[in-house]
Protein backbone atom coordinates (compact mmCIF):
# COMPACT_ATOMS: atom_id res chain seq x y z
CA UNK A 1 0.00 0.00 0.00
CA UNK A 2 1.56 3.28 -1.12
CA UNK A 3 0.94 6.61 0.59
CA UNK A 4 2.15 9.07 -2.06
CA UNK A 5 0.11 12.25 -1.98
CA UNK A 6 -0.64 11.87 1.70
CA UNK A 7 2.67 12.64 3.43
CA UNK A 8 1.30 13.58 6.84
CA UNK A 9 -0.35 10.35 7.87
CA UNK A 10 -0.18 9.71 11.60
CA UNK A 11 -1.89 6.86 13.41
CA UNK A 12 -2.19 6.26 17.13
CA UNK A 13 -2.13 2.56 17.99
CA UNK A 14 -3.67 1.61 21.35
CA UNK A 15 -3.35 -1.69 23.23
CA UNK A 16 -0.17 -2.62 21.40
CA UNK A 17 1.04 -5.99 22.65
CA UNK A 18 4.73 -6.89 22.58
CA UNK A 19 4.09 -9.41 19.78
CA UNK A 20 2.57 -6.62 17.65
CA UNK A 21 5.26 -4.02 18.26
CA UNK A 22 7.81 -5.22 15.69
CA UNK A 23 5.06 -5.67 13.10
CA UNK A 24 3.81 -2.13 13.66
CA UNK A 25 7.34 -0.76 13.37
CA UNK A 26 7.78 -2.76 10.15
CA UNK A 27 4.59 -1.36 8.60
CA UNK A 28 5.42 2.15 9.80
CA UNK A 29 8.64 1.98 7.80
CA UNK A 30 7.13 0.26 4.76
CA UNK A 31 4.15 2.63 4.55
CA UNK A 32 6.25 5.74 5.29
CA UNK A 33 3.87 6.91 8.02
CA UNK A 34 4.14 7.81 11.68
CA UNK A 35 2.59 5.53 14.29
CA UNK A 36 2.33 6.50 17.95
CA UNK A 37 2.12 3.29 19.99
CA UNK A 38 0.96 2.62 23.53
CA UNK A 39 0.14 -0.50 25.51
CA UNK A 40 -2.75 1.34 27.16
CA UNK A 41 -6.36 1.19 25.98
CA UNK A 42 -8.17 4.25 24.65
CA UNK A 43 -9.81 6.14 27.51
CA UNK A 44 -10.32 9.66 28.79
CA UNK A 45 -6.80 9.46 30.21
CA UNK A 46 -5.15 8.35 26.97
CA UNK A 47 -7.23 10.30 24.45
CA UNK A 48 -4.54 12.98 24.22
CA UNK A 49 -2.22 10.46 22.54
CA UNK A 50 -4.47 10.60 19.46
CA UNK A 51 -4.10 14.37 19.07
CA UNK A 52 -2.43 15.14 15.76
CA UNK A 53 -3.32 11.75 14.31
CA UNK A 54 -5.61 11.10 11.34
CA UNK A 55 -6.75 7.73 12.66
CA UNK A 56 -6.51 5.29 15.54
CA UNK A 57 -6.30 1.53 15.83
CA UNK A 58 -7.28 -0.47 18.90
CA UNK A 59 -7.98 -3.96 20.15
CA UNK A 60 -11.16 -5.03 21.94
CA UNK A 61 -10.43 -3.55 25.36
CA UNK A 62 -11.04 0.02 24.18
CA UNK A 63 -14.71 0.93 24.45
CA UNK A 64 -15.63 3.35 21.67
CA UNK A 65 -19.10 4.49 22.66
CA UNK A 66 -20.89 7.57 21.32
CA UNK A 67 -19.31 9.86 23.90
CA UNK A 68 -15.78 8.74 23.10
CA UNK A 69 -16.46 8.93 19.37
CA UNK A 70 -17.59 12.54 19.74
CA UNK A 71 -14.30 13.34 21.47
CA UNK A 72 -12.40 11.65 18.66
CA UNK A 73 -14.29 13.71 16.09
CA UNK A 74 -13.33 16.91 17.92
CA UNK A 75 -9.63 16.06 17.52
CA UNK A 76 -10.26 15.26 13.83
CA UNK A 77 -9.94 11.48 13.82
CA UNK A 78 -11.22 10.31 10.43
CA UNK A 79 -10.93 6.55 10.80
CA UNK A 80 -10.97 3.88 13.51
CA UNK A 81 -9.58 0.45 12.75
CA UNK A 82 -9.84 -2.41 15.21
CA UNK A 83 -7.20 -5.12 14.99
CA UNK A 84 -9.91 -7.70 15.62
CA UNK A 85 -12.59 -9.30 13.49
CA UNK A 86 -15.29 -8.46 16.04
CA UNK A 87 -16.24 -4.82 16.42
CA UNK A 88 -18.99 -4.85 19.03
CA UNK A 89 -16.80 -2.59 21.22
CA UNK A 90 -17.42 0.21 18.69
CA UNK A 91 -20.71 2.05 18.29
CA UNK A 92 -20.70 1.82 14.49
CA UNK A 93 -23.97 3.73 14.07
CA UNK A 94 -22.68 6.63 16.14
CA UNK A 95 -19.44 6.64 14.16
CA UNK A 96 -21.39 6.79 10.90
CA UNK A 97 -23.40 9.79 12.10
CA UNK A 98 -20.17 11.53 13.05
CA UNK A 99 -18.55 10.78 9.70
CA UNK A 100 -15.87 8.51 11.17
CA UNK A 101 -15.05 5.43 9.11
CA UNK A 102 -14.73 2.10 10.94
CA UNK A 103 -12.64 -0.84 9.73
CA UNK A 104 -11.98 -4.25 11.20
CA UNK A 105 -9.21 -6.78 10.70
CA UNK A 106 -9.16 -10.05 8.83
CA UNK A 107 -7.15 -13.21 9.21
CA UNK A 108 -7.27 -16.71 7.81
CA UNK A 109 -9.80 -18.94 9.61
CA UNK A 110 -7.37 -21.82 10.15
CA UNK A 111 -6.29 -20.96 13.68
CA UNK A 112 -9.77 -20.60 15.21
CA UNK A 113 -11.13 -23.52 13.21
CA UNK A 114 -8.29 -25.80 14.30
CA UNK A 115 -8.71 -24.67 17.90
CA UNK A 116 -12.45 -25.42 17.82
CA UNK A 117 -11.79 -28.98 16.69
CA UNK A 118 -9.09 -29.31 19.34
CA UNK A 119 -11.62 -28.40 22.04
CA UNK A 120 -14.04 -30.98 20.67
CA UNK A 121 -11.38 -33.69 20.79
CA UNK A 122 -10.21 -32.72 24.29
CA UNK A 123 -13.75 -32.89 25.63
CA UNK A 124 -14.58 -36.14 23.85
CA UNK A 125 -11.49 -37.78 25.37
CA UNK A 126 -11.96 -36.20 28.83
CA UNK A 127 -8.49 -34.71 28.70
CA UNK A 128 -9.02 -32.21 31.52
CA UNK A 129 -9.82 -34.98 34.00
CA UNK A 130 -6.95 -37.16 32.70
CA UNK A 131 -4.47 -34.29 33.00
CA UNK A 132 -5.53 -33.46 36.55
CA UNK A 133 -5.18 -37.11 37.58
CA UNK A 134 -1.74 -37.45 36.01
CA UNK A 135 -0.54 -34.42 37.99
CA UNK A 136 -1.10 -36.39 41.21
CA UNK A 137 0.10 -39.73 39.80
CA UNK A 138 -3.42 -41.14 39.42
CA UNK A 139 -3.35 -43.19 36.23
CA UNK A 140 -6.66 -45.00 36.66
CA UNK A 141 -9.10 -45.41 33.77
CA UNK A 142 -12.45 -45.19 35.54
CA UNK A 143 -14.49 -42.24 34.32
CA UNK A 144 -12.17 -41.46 31.41
CA UNK A 145 -13.81 -43.46 28.64
CA UNK A 146 -14.24 -41.24 25.61
CA UNK A 147 -16.25 -41.29 22.40
CA UNK A 148 -15.22 -41.38 18.75
CA UNK A 149 -16.17 -38.54 16.48
CA UNK A 150 -17.15 -40.83 13.59
CA UNK A 151 -20.15 -42.01 15.64
CA UNK A 152 -21.51 -38.52 16.29
CA UNK A 153 -23.51 -35.75 14.66
CA UNK A 154 -21.86 -32.35 14.87
CA UNK A 155 -23.75 -29.12 14.23
CA UNK A 156 -21.96 -25.98 13.08
CA UNK A 157 -23.88 -22.75 13.68
CA UNK A 158 -22.55 -20.05 11.38
CA UNK A 159 -20.80 -21.01 8.14
CA UNK A 160 -18.76 -17.97 7.29
CA UNK A 161 -14.99 -18.23 6.87
CA UNK A 162 -14.36 -19.86 10.25
CA UNK A 163 -17.45 -22.07 10.40
CA UNK A 164 -16.92 -23.40 6.88
CA UNK A 165 -13.30 -24.20 7.72
CA UNK A 166 -14.44 -26.06 10.85
CA UNK A 167 -16.68 -28.13 8.59
CA UNK A 168 -13.73 -28.83 6.29
CA UNK A 169 -11.65 -29.99 9.28
CA UNK A 170 -14.46 -32.16 10.65
CA UNK A 171 -15.09 -33.83 7.32
CA UNK A 172 -11.93 -35.87 7.75
CA UNK A 173 -13.24 -37.53 10.92
CA UNK A 174 -16.16 -39.29 9.26
CA UNK A 175 -18.83 -37.69 11.43
CA UNK A 176 -22.23 -36.51 10.23
CA UNK A 177 -22.14 -32.72 9.90
CA UNK A 178 -25.14 -30.40 10.05
CA UNK A 179 -24.95 -26.68 9.32
CA UNK A 180 -27.07 -23.61 9.92
CA UNK A 181 -26.65 -20.15 8.48
CA UNK A 182 -28.98 -17.47 7.12
CA UNK A 183 -27.50 -18.10 3.68
CA UNK A 184 -25.94 -21.27 2.29
CA UNK A 185 -22.18 -21.33 1.77
CA UNK A 186 -21.65 -23.53 -1.33
CA UNK A 187 -18.25 -24.69 -0.08
CA UNK A 188 -19.69 -25.76 3.28
CA UNK A 189 -22.65 -27.42 1.56
CA UNK A 190 -20.25 -29.88 -0.10
CA UNK A 191 -19.36 -31.39 3.29
CA UNK A 192 -22.38 -30.57 5.51
CA UNK A 193 -26.15 -30.78 5.34
CA UNK A 194 -27.94 -27.48 5.86
CA UNK A 195 -30.93 -27.69 8.21
CA UNK A 196 -33.01 -25.29 10.27
CA UNK A 197 -31.58 -24.17 13.61
CA UNK A 198 -34.29 -26.14 15.42
CA UNK A 199 -33.32 -29.32 13.54
CA UNK A 200 -29.64 -28.76 14.25
CA UNK A 201 -30.33 -28.33 17.97
CA UNK A 202 -32.48 -31.45 18.08
CA UNK A 203 -30.12 -33.76 16.17
CA UNK A 204 -26.60 -32.72 17.15
CA UNK A 205 -24.42 -34.44 19.74
CA UNK A 206 -21.96 -31.56 19.54
CA UNK A 207 -22.70 -27.94 18.56
CA UNK A 208 -19.99 -25.41 17.66
CA UNK A 209 -20.89 -21.71 17.40
CA UNK A 210 -19.24 -19.36 14.88
CA UNK A 211 -21.44 -16.26 14.76
CA UNK A 212 -20.80 -12.55 15.38
CA UNK A 213 -22.45 -10.89 18.37
CA UNK A 214 -25.58 -9.04 17.24
CA UNK A 215 -28.97 -8.25 18.74
CA UNK A 216 -30.32 -11.49 17.27
CA UNK A 217 -27.48 -13.71 18.53
CA UNK A 218 -27.19 -12.20 22.02
CA UNK A 219 -27.73 -15.03 24.54
CA UNK A 220 -29.12 -17.29 21.82
CA UNK A 221 -28.04 -20.28 23.91
CA UNK A 222 -30.40 -20.16 26.86
CA UNK A 223 -32.80 -22.29 28.88
CA UNK A 224 -35.30 -22.39 26.01
CA UNK A 225 -32.84 -23.40 23.29
CA UNK A 226 -31.06 -25.86 25.59
CA UNK A 227 -34.40 -27.62 26.06
CA UNK A 228 -34.41 -28.34 22.30
CA UNK A 229 -31.02 -30.05 22.45
CA UNK A 230 -30.11 -33.63 23.24
CA UNK A 231 -29.43 -34.57 26.85
CA UNK A 232 -25.67 -34.56 27.31
CA UNK A 233 -25.05 -32.21 24.39
CA UNK A 234 -21.52 -30.83 24.03
CA UNK A 235 -21.21 -27.11 23.28
CA UNK A 236 -18.21 -25.25 21.81
CA UNK A 237 -17.91 -21.46 21.75
CA UNK A 238 -14.87 -19.78 20.21
CA UNK A 239 -16.88 -16.79 18.93
CA UNK A 240 -18.28 -14.42 21.58
CA UNK A 241 -19.14 -15.15 25.21
CA UNK A 242 -22.35 -13.19 24.99
CA UNK A 243 -23.86 -15.76 22.63
CA UNK A 244 -24.61 -17.72 25.81
CA UNK A 245 -26.73 -17.00 28.87
CA UNK A 246 -24.33 -18.29 31.51
CA UNK A 247 -26.89 -18.49 34.27
CA UNK A 248 -28.76 -20.97 32.08
CA UNK A 249 -25.53 -22.66 30.98
CA UNK A 250 -24.55 -23.32 34.59
CA UNK A 251 -28.01 -24.73 35.28
CA UNK A 252 -27.60 -26.96 32.22
CA UNK A 253 -24.28 -28.33 33.47
CA UNK A 254 -25.63 -28.93 36.98
CA UNK A 255 -28.68 -30.85 35.74
CA UNK A 256 -26.55 -32.78 33.17
CA UNK A 257 -28.36 -31.33 30.15
CA UNK A 258 -24.94 -30.18 28.98
CA UNK A 259 -22.50 -33.07 28.88
CA UNK A 260 -19.40 -30.98 28.22
CA UNK A 261 -18.51 -27.38 27.44
CA UNK A 262 -15.53 -25.89 25.60
CA UNK A 263 -15.11 -22.11 25.91
CA UNK A 264 -12.48 -19.75 24.58
CA UNK A 265 -14.67 -16.73 25.32
CA UNK A 266 -16.80 -15.62 28.23
CA UNK A 267 -19.40 -13.00 29.05
CA UNK A 268 -17.86 -9.89 30.64
CA UNK A 269 -14.31 -11.06 29.92
CA UNK A 270 -13.31 -7.42 29.30
CA UNK A 271 -10.50 -6.44 31.65
CA UNK A 272 -9.75 -10.09 32.55
CA UNK A 273 -8.66 -12.03 29.49
CA UNK A 274 -5.32 -10.95 27.99
CA UNK A 275 -4.25 -9.47 31.35
CA UNK A 276 -2.14 -10.79 34.21
CA UNK A 277 -4.64 -10.85 37.08
CA UNK A 278 -2.81 -13.31 39.39
CA UNK A 279 -2.81 -10.99 42.38
CA UNK A 280 -6.22 -9.42 41.81
CA UNK A 281 -9.74 -10.03 43.03
CA UNK A 282 -11.66 -10.86 39.86
CA UNK A 283 -15.28 -9.79 39.86
CA UNK A 284 -16.91 -12.42 37.66
CA UNK A 285 -18.67 -15.02 39.79
CA UNK A 286 -19.95 -17.08 36.87
CA UNK A 287 -16.43 -17.41 35.44
CA UNK A 288 -15.01 -18.48 38.79
CA UNK A 289 -17.77 -21.03 39.34
CA UNK A 290 -18.05 -22.58 35.90
CA UNK A 291 -14.35 -23.29 35.48
CA UNK A 292 -14.34 -25.79 38.37
CA UNK A 293 -16.60 -28.29 36.61
CA UNK A 294 -14.62 -31.34 35.42
CA UNK A 295 -16.42 -31.35 32.06
CA UNK A 296 -15.68 -27.69 31.27
CA UNK A 297 -12.56 -26.48 29.47
CA UNK A 298 -11.98 -22.72 29.50
CA UNK A 299 -9.17 -20.87 27.73
CA UNK A 300 -8.45 -17.16 27.68
CA UNK A 301 -9.63 -16.04 24.22
CA UNK A 302 -6.59 -17.37 22.39
CA UNK A 303 -8.14 -19.39 19.56
CA UNK A 304 -7.13 -16.64 17.12
CA UNK A 305 -3.62 -16.27 18.53
CA UNK A 306 -1.12 -17.54 15.95
CA UNK A 307 1.86 -15.81 14.36
CA UNK A 308 0.14 -15.74 10.98
CA UNK A 309 -3.11 -14.32 12.35
CA UNK A 310 -1.42 -11.56 14.36
CA UNK A 311 0.54 -10.37 11.34
CA UNK A 312 -2.61 -10.38 9.22
CA UNK A 313 -4.59 -8.45 11.85
CA UNK A 314 -1.97 -5.72 12.13
CA UNK A 315 -1.50 -5.52 8.37
CA UNK A 316 -5.20 -5.37 7.46
CA UNK A 317 -5.96 -2.85 10.23
CA UNK A 318 -3.27 -0.43 9.09
CA UNK A 319 -3.95 -0.92 5.39
CA UNK A 320 -7.64 -0.30 6.05
CA UNK A 321 -6.78 3.09 7.52
CA UNK A 322 -4.50 4.00 4.60
CA UNK A 323 -7.18 3.01 2.09
CA UNK A 324 -9.76 5.20 3.84
CA UNK A 325 -7.41 8.17 4.04
CA UNK A 326 -6.30 7.88 0.41
CA UNK A 327 -9.50 6.80 -1.35
CA UNK A 328 -12.31 7.49 1.13
CA UNK A 329 -13.24 3.82 1.54
CA UNK A 330 -11.73 0.42 2.26
CA UNK A 331 -12.48 -3.25 1.68
CA UNK A 332 -12.03 -3.62 5.45
CA UNK A 333 -14.77 -1.08 6.20
CA UNK A 334 -17.73 -2.31 8.33
């Protein structure tokens, strides 16, 4: 991406992790622009770092509500680019009214798709229980008998880039695959059978969710939808924690409706995941309670976290900004 004709490009990058720093410095040099970097999230206290910049880029910890967006407009920010696929931390409608362009990042679906299948396999083979036993030299077999994927029906909810790649991965295991999406993905349809969401819930032994967080998907997994599912259903969520009503999820685990649960995301994870909180009091009772179940595996929102994905996220976020500033629009625009 060239920046001729726009010599005064300056971007403020918030929430810059150490693994992103060298990449940002690399793109700063290649794009011949200035990037002001900080590890801190965008807030009232760090807003001044964006003064003099044309655009900002953040991760998901920065909350860009209408009030913050108005402040960004005052200091003449023209574009916001999040180095994440999800953008529910940005009030996109408010940004549009204020004339601020919003872009998100892209990365290949392989990492999250592979991770989703890994969670399925770990739960099927009761790896959490086996690992805990091995740590205390208990090598008994009782209670560790697993199941084979070829004997099961797996439902994939959401067949965009990630969901369709999950289907591709699963196809090699010989399982029956069901899919649900508002529109049919021809590639996914080659390996999966599209059904209604009700049918998928009723027939699946395992259900993996790959949807963005919207008004229609918010807490879509709840007491009512769990009632439609098989007893002992296994649920996988590597998308957004808020797809699930965790009060109902906990009830489902306690009454054995849910046989196993694999989570890489959690409701109200903001300020917890991606931070070192070892010496802190963490105010998330559901998170603290649910992780103790032997049939629940929880990881800290790292399904996306590969070297390839991080480079792609930084690259697409910065190129999205340059495209907006040079042409007025971008393929990364939301």
